[in-house]
């Protein structure tokens, strides 16, 4: 079965509500949330999305291997990987960097507040 993560926008209150629901045992699915669309796009720049694409469903990868897969230099990929790690989008394990999902769904709405 594919493991899909939903990346989107959530207020602090929404995140607290989901956390409380998870503690009650209510399934919340795999989510990575940002406070606003600007933060989402700053973190998930086109080149960082390329990195996530290269890592999706692949298990642990070294920075050098990620750089090879995306056709970029190791130093630049290292900087982007560090930003993704700091934001909690990817993880580090004993064998390398991991994006532990088989697919990504990006979900947010632009428009006026109700």
N, C-alpha and C. Protein backbone atom coordinates (compact mmCIF):
# COMPACT_ATOMS: atom_id res chain seq x y z
N UNK A 1 0.84 -1.19 0.00
CA UNK A 1 0.00 0.00 0.00
C UNK A 1 0.88 1.25 0.00
N UNK A 2 0.53 2.21 -0.83
CA UNK A 2 1.29 3.46 -0.90
C UNK A 2 1.07 4.29 0.35
N UNK A 3 2.14 4.92 0.79
CA UNK A 3 2.06 5.85 1.91
C UNK A 3 2.14 7.25 1.33
N UNK A 4 1.05 7.98 1.44
CA UNK A 4 0.96 9.33 0.88
C UNK A 4 1.00 10.34 2.01
N UNK A 5 1.73 11.42 1.82
CA UNK A 5 1.76 12.52 2.79
C UNK A 5 1.03 13.71 2.17
N UNK A 6 0.25 14.38 2.99
CA UNK A 6 -0.42 15.61 2.57
C UNK A 6 0.36 16.78 3.13
N UNK A 7 0.80 17.66 2.25
CA UNK A 7 1.51 18.87 2.65
C UNK A 7 0.56 20.03 2.46
N UNK A 8 0.40 20.84 3.50
CA UNK A 8 -0.55 21.94 3.39
C UNK A 8 -0.35 23.02 4.41
N UNK A 9 -1.38 23.84 4.55
CA UNK A 9 -1.38 24.98 5.45
C UNK A 9 -2.29 24.65 6.63
N UNK A 10 -1.83 24.95 7.83
CA UNK A 10 -2.67 24.76 9.02
C UNK A 10 -2.30 25.81 10.05
N UNK A 11 -3.31 26.40 10.65
CA UNK A 11 -3.07 27.35 11.73
C UNK A 11 -2.60 26.58 12.96
N UNK A 12 -2.09 27.30 13.93
CA UNK A 12 -1.68 26.67 15.18
C UNK A 12 -2.87 25.97 15.82
N UNK A 13 -4.04 26.61 15.79
CA UNK A 13 -5.25 25.99 16.36
C UNK A 13 -5.61 24.69 15.64
N UNK A 14 -5.53 24.70 14.31
CA UNK A 14 -5.82 23.47 13.56
C UNK A 14 -4.83 22.37 13.90
N UNK A 15 -3.56 22.72 14.01
CA UNK A 15 -2.55 21.73 14.36
C UNK A 15 -2.80 21.17 15.76
N UNK A 16 -3.16 22.02 16.70
CA UNK A 16 -3.48 21.56 18.06
C UNK A 16 -4.68 20.62 18.04
N UNK A 17 -5.70 20.96 17.25
CA UNK A 17 -6.90 20.13 17.15
C UNK A 17 -6.54 18.74 16.60
N UNK A 18 -5.71 18.70 15.55
CA UNK A 18 -5.29 17.41 14.98
C UNK A 18 -4.46 16.61 15.98
N UNK A 19 -3.60 17.29 16.71
CA UNK A 19 -2.78 16.61 17.71
C UNK A 19 -3.66 16.00 18.80
N UNK A 20 -4.62 16.77 19.29
CA UNK A 20 -5.53 16.27 20.32
C UNK A 20 -6.33 15.08 19.79
N UNK A 21 -6.78 15.16 18.56
CA UNK A 21 -7.53 14.05 17.96
C UNK A 21 -6.65 12.81 17.83
N UNK A 22 -5.39 13.01 17.46
CA UNK A 22 -4.47 11.87 17.36
C UNK A 22 -4.26 11.22 18.72
N UNK A 23 -4.16 12.03 19.78
CA UNK A 23 -4.01 11.48 21.13
C UNK A 23 -5.25 10.71 21.56
N UNK A 24 -6.40 11.05 21.00
CA UNK A 24 -7.63 10.30 21.29
C UNK A 24 -7.73 9.04 20.45
N UNK A 25 -6.74 8.83 19.59
CA UNK A 25 -6.73 7.64 18.76
C UNK A 25 -7.41 7.79 17.41
N UNK A 26 -7.78 9.01 17.06
CA UNK A 26 -8.43 9.26 15.78
C UNK A 26 -7.36 9.39 14.69
N UNK A 27 -7.46 8.60 13.63
CA UNK A 27 -6.44 8.67 12.57
C UNK A 27 -6.40 10.06 11.92
N UNK A 28 -5.21 10.56 11.71
CA UNK A 28 -5.04 11.88 11.12
C UNK A 28 -4.33 11.82 9.77
N UNK A 29 -3.85 10.66 9.40
CA UNK A 29 -3.10 10.55 8.15
C UNK A 29 -1.73 11.18 8.30
N UNK A 30 -0.95 11.07 7.27
CA UNK A 30 0.39 11.65 7.25
C UNK A 30 0.29 13.08 6.76
N UNK A 31 0.71 14.03 7.59
CA UNK A 31 0.60 15.44 7.24
C UNK A 31 1.89 16.18 7.59
N UNK A 32 2.23 17.12 6.74
CA UNK A 32 3.28 18.10 7.02
C UNK A 32 2.61 19.45 6.80
N UNK A 33 2.56 20.27 7.84
CA UNK A 33 1.82 21.54 7.76
C UNK A 33 2.73 22.74 7.95
N UNK A 34 2.38 23.80 7.24
CA UNK A 34 3.05 25.09 7.36
C UNK A 34 2.02 26.12 7.80
N UNK A 35 2.48 27.19 8.43
CA UNK A 35 1.56 28.21 8.93
C UNK A 35 0.93 29.05 7.84
N UNK A 36 1.63 29.21 6.72
CA UNK A 36 1.09 30.03 5.63
C UNK A 36 1.70 29.59 4.31
N UNK A 37 1.10 30.04 3.22
CA UNK A 37 1.54 29.62 1.90
C UNK A 37 2.95 30.13 1.59
N UNK A 38 3.31 31.29 2.11
CA UNK A 38 4.65 31.82 1.88
C UNK A 38 5.71 30.89 2.47
N UNK A 39 5.47 30.41 3.69
CA UNK A 39 6.41 29.49 4.33
C UNK A 39 6.48 28.17 3.56
N UNK A 40 5.33 27.69 3.10
CA UNK A 40 5.31 26.45 2.32
C UNK A 40 6.18 26.60 1.07
N UNK A 41 5.96 27.66 0.29
CA UNK A 41 6.70 27.82 -0.96
C UNK A 41 8.17 28.17 -0.72
N UNK A 42 8.48 28.84 0.37
CA UNK A 42 9.88 29.11 0.69
C UNK A 42 10.61 27.79 0.99
N UNK A 43 9.94 26.92 1.73
CA UNK A 43 10.55 25.63 2.08
C UNK A 43 10.56 24.68 0.89
N UNK A 44 9.48 24.67 0.13
CA UNK A 44 9.35 23.73 -0.99
C UNK A 44 9.57 24.44 -2.32
N UNK A 45 10.76 24.98 -2.48
CA UNK A 45 11.13 25.63 -3.74
C UNK A 45 11.15 24.56 -4.85
N UNK A 46 11.13 24.97 -6.11
CA UNK A 46 11.17 23.99 -7.20
C UNK A 46 12.35 23.01 -7.10
N UNK A 47 13.52 23.49 -6.73
CA UNK A 47 14.68 22.58 -6.63
C UNK A 47 14.54 21.62 -5.45
N UNK A 48 13.90 22.06 -4.38
CA UNK A 48 13.67 21.17 -3.24
C UNK A 48 12.59 20.15 -3.57
N UNK A 49 11.62 20.54 -4.38
CA UNK A 49 10.61 19.58 -4.83
C UNK A 49 11.28 18.53 -5.71
N UNK A 50 12.25 18.92 -6.52
CA UNK A 50 13.02 17.94 -7.31
C UNK A 50 13.70 16.94 -6.39
N UNK A 51 14.26 17.43 -5.28
CA UNK A 51 14.90 16.54 -4.31
C UNK A 51 13.88 15.56 -3.75
N UNK A 52 12.71 16.07 -3.34
CA UNK A 52 11.68 15.18 -2.81
C UNK A 52 11.25 14.15 -3.85
N UNK A 53 11.12 14.56 -5.09
CA UNK A 53 10.76 13.62 -6.16
C UNK A 53 11.79 12.51 -6.28
N UNK A 54 13.06 12.89 -6.22
CA UNK A 54 14.14 11.90 -6.33
C UNK A 54 14.17 10.96 -5.14
N UNK A 55 13.71 11.43 -3.98
CA UNK A 55 13.75 10.63 -2.76
C UNK A 55 12.49 9.80 -2.52
N UNK A 56 11.39 10.17 -3.17
CA UNK A 56 10.11 9.53 -2.91
C UNK A 56 10.16 8.03 -3.18
N UNK A 57 9.85 7.25 -2.14
CA UNK A 57 9.80 5.80 -2.24
C UNK A 57 11.14 5.11 -2.40
N UNK A 58 12.24 5.82 -2.17
CA UNK A 58 13.57 5.27 -2.44
C UNK A 58 14.32 4.76 -1.21
N UNK A 59 13.84 5.01 -0.01
CA UNK A 59 14.59 4.62 1.18
C UNK A 59 15.74 5.59 1.41
N UNK A 60 16.67 5.23 2.31
CA UNK A 60 17.77 6.15 2.65
C UNK A 60 18.69 6.42 1.46
N UNK A 61 19.04 7.69 1.28
CA UNK A 61 19.97 8.09 0.22
C UNK A 61 21.01 9.05 0.79
N UNK A 62 22.23 8.97 0.28
CA UNK A 62 23.26 9.94 0.66
C UNK A 62 23.02 11.24 -0.09
N UNK A 63 23.58 12.32 0.44
CA UNK A 63 23.47 13.61 -0.25
C UNK A 63 24.11 13.52 -1.63
N UNK A 64 25.21 12.81 -1.72
CA UNK A 64 25.89 12.65 -3.01
C UNK A 64 24.97 11.95 -4.03
N UNK A 65 24.26 10.92 -3.57
CA UNK A 65 23.35 10.20 -4.47
C UNK A 65 22.16 11.07 -4.87
N UNK A 66 21.64 11.83 -3.92
CA UNK A 66 20.54 12.75 -4.24
C UNK A 66 21.01 13.77 -5.29
N UNK A 67 22.21 14.33 -5.08
CA UNK A 67 22.76 15.30 -6.03
C UNK A 67 22.89 14.69 -7.42
N UNK A 68 23.36 13.44 -7.49
CA UNK A 68 23.48 12.76 -8.78
C UNK A 68 22.11 12.62 -9.45
N UNK A 69 21.11 12.24 -8.66
CA UNK A 69 19.77 12.01 -9.22
C UNK A 69 19.11 13.30 -9.72
N UNK A 70 19.41 14.42 -9.08
CA UNK A 70 18.79 15.68 -9.51
C UNK A 70 19.71 16.51 -10.42
N UNK A 71 20.93 16.03 -10.65
CA UNK A 71 21.84 16.72 -11.56
C UNK A 71 22.35 18.04 -11.04
N UNK A 72 22.59 18.11 -9.72
CA UNK A 72 23.09 19.35 -9.11
C UNK A 72 24.36 19.05 -8.33
N UNK A 73 25.08 20.10 -7.93
CA UNK A 73 26.29 19.87 -7.16
C UNK A 73 25.95 19.54 -5.70
N UNK A 74 26.85 18.80 -5.09
CA UNK A 74 26.63 18.28 -3.74
C UNK A 74 26.43 19.40 -2.73
N UNK A 75 27.21 20.48 -2.84
CA UNK A 75 27.10 21.57 -1.87
C UNK A 75 25.71 22.21 -1.91
N UNK A 76 25.18 22.45 -3.09
CA UNK A 76 23.85 23.06 -3.21
C UNK A 76 22.78 22.12 -2.67
N UNK A 77 22.89 20.84 -2.99
CA UNK A 77 21.91 19.86 -2.49
C UNK A 77 22.02 19.74 -0.97
N UNK A 78 23.24 19.82 -0.45
CA UNK A 78 23.42 19.76 1.01
C UNK A 78 22.64 20.90 1.69
N UNK A 79 22.75 22.11 1.15
CA UNK A 79 22.02 23.25 1.72
C UNK A 79 20.52 23.06 1.67
N UNK A 80 20.02 22.58 0.54
CA UNK A 80 18.58 22.34 0.42
C UNK A 80 18.13 21.20 1.32
N UNK A 81 18.92 20.15 1.41
CA UNK A 81 18.57 19.02 2.29
C UNK A 81 18.53 19.47 3.74
N UNK A 82 19.47 20.32 4.13
CA UNK A 82 19.47 20.84 5.51
C UNK A 82 18.18 21.62 5.78
N UNK A 83 17.75 22.44 4.83
CA UNK A 83 16.51 23.21 5.00
C UNK A 83 15.31 22.27 5.12
N UNK A 84 15.27 21.21 4.32
CA UNK A 84 14.17 20.24 4.39
C UNK A 84 14.20 19.47 5.71
N UNK A 85 15.40 19.14 6.19
CA UNK A 85 15.53 18.49 7.50
C UNK A 85 15.04 19.40 8.61
N UNK A 86 15.47 20.65 8.58
CA UNK A 86 15.09 21.62 9.62
C UNK A 86 13.58 21.84 9.67
N UNK A 87 12.93 21.76 8.52
CA UNK A 87 11.48 21.95 8.44
C UNK A 87 10.71 20.67 8.77
N UNK A 88 11.43 19.56 8.96
CA UNK A 88 10.77 18.30 9.27
C UNK A 88 10.16 17.60 8.07
N UNK A 89 10.57 18.00 6.88
CA UNK A 89 10.02 17.39 5.66
C UNK A 89 10.71 16.07 5.36
N UNK A 90 12.03 16.00 5.54
CA UNK A 90 12.76 14.75 5.39
C UNK A 90 13.38 14.39 6.73
N UNK A 91 13.87 13.16 6.82
CA UNK A 91 14.45 12.65 8.06
C UNK A 91 15.84 12.11 7.78
N UNK A 92 16.61 11.96 8.85
CA UNK A 92 17.93 11.33 8.75
C UNK A 92 17.87 10.04 9.55
N UNK A 93 18.39 8.95 8.95
CA UNK A 93 18.56 7.74 9.72
C UNK A 93 20.02 7.31 9.60
N UNK A 94 20.37 6.18 10.13
CA UNK A 94 21.77 5.74 10.13
C UNK A 94 22.35 5.50 8.75
N UNK A 95 21.48 5.37 7.74
CA UNK A 95 21.95 5.06 6.39
C UNK A 95 21.90 6.24 5.43
N UNK A 96 21.31 7.36 5.85
CA UNK A 96 21.23 8.51 4.97
C UNK A 96 19.99 9.34 5.23
N UNK A 97 19.60 10.09 4.23
CA UNK A 97 18.40 10.93 4.32
C UNK A 97 17.21 10.16 3.75
N UNK A 98 16.05 10.35 4.39
CA UNK A 98 14.87 9.58 4.00
C UNK A 98 13.67 10.51 3.85
N UNK A 99 12.93 10.32 2.79
CA UNK A 99 11.59 10.88 2.65
C UNK A 99 10.68 9.66 2.63
N UNK A 100 10.08 9.32 3.79
CA UNK A 100 9.47 8.00 3.96
C UNK A 100 8.07 7.85 3.36
N UNK A 101 7.85 8.44 2.22
CA UNK A 101 6.54 8.39 1.58
C UNK A 101 6.68 7.95 0.13
N UNK A 102 5.59 7.39 -0.40
CA UNK A 102 5.56 6.94 -1.79
C UNK A 102 4.91 7.98 -2.70
N UNK A 103 4.32 9.00 -2.10
CA UNK A 103 3.67 10.04 -2.88
C UNK A 103 3.36 11.25 -2.03
N UNK A 104 3.09 12.35 -2.70
CA UNK A 104 2.82 13.62 -2.03
C UNK A 104 1.54 14.22 -2.60
N UNK A 105 0.71 14.73 -1.70
CA UNK A 105 -0.47 15.50 -2.10
C UNK A 105 -0.31 16.87 -1.46
N UNK A 106 -0.32 17.93 -2.27
CA UNK A 106 -0.22 19.29 -1.74
C UNK A 106 -1.63 19.87 -1.71
N UNK A 107 -2.02 20.40 -0.54
CA UNK A 107 -3.40 20.83 -0.33
C UNK A 107 -3.42 22.18 0.39
N UNK A 108 -3.85 23.22 -0.33
CA UNK A 108 -4.08 24.51 0.30
C UNK A 108 -5.04 25.30 -0.56
N UNK A 109 -5.65 26.27 0.04
CA UNK A 109 -6.63 27.10 -0.67
C UNK A 109 -6.20 28.55 -0.60
N UNK A 110 -6.24 29.22 -1.73
CA UNK A 110 -5.98 30.65 -1.78
C UNK A 110 -7.31 31.37 -1.87
N UNK A 111 -7.41 32.49 -1.22
CA UNK A 111 -8.65 33.26 -1.30
C UNK A 111 -8.84 34.09 -0.06
N UNK A 112 -9.92 34.81 -0.04
CA UNK A 112 -10.24 35.66 1.10
C UNK A 112 -10.66 34.83 2.29
N UNK A 113 -10.30 35.29 3.47
CA UNK A 113 -10.75 34.62 4.69
C UNK A 113 -12.26 34.80 4.82
N UNK A 114 -12.89 33.80 5.39
CA UNK A 114 -14.36 33.86 5.54
C UNK A 114 -14.75 34.83 6.63
